[in-house]
């Protein structure tokens, strides 16, 4: 019984616990690491060290998902802006076409006014016959 008490209070046990608490994840330094290499790096780790590694990978995953989500949001905003500009452009084109039609209708001179005076005289003479 004394042995158990001595073992629990010994410095080696407390050093082991503090070393595990201070452990920092090392396998996330290369996110592109092949799975087989990662497996070899994880084999000698203790349960508490594996937990630290798993939490570090989870944080890395959260960070990447957040970056991807932000990029998708920006892409959607740009897409909406493009759609809006496209709609505005189509509206302006229709307005211009309508204005051109109205202008061509009002500016189109009648057939008689575009004829030269000689032609008008001939038309009038033909009409009298």
Foldseek 3Di string as FASTA:
>chain_A
DVVVVCVVPDPVVVVVVVVLVPDAADVVVPVPDDPVVVVVVCVVDDPSNVVNNVVVVVVVVVVVVVVVVVVVVVVVVVVVVVVVVVVVVVVVVVVVVVVVVVCCVVPVDDPLVVDDPVVNVVVVVVVVD
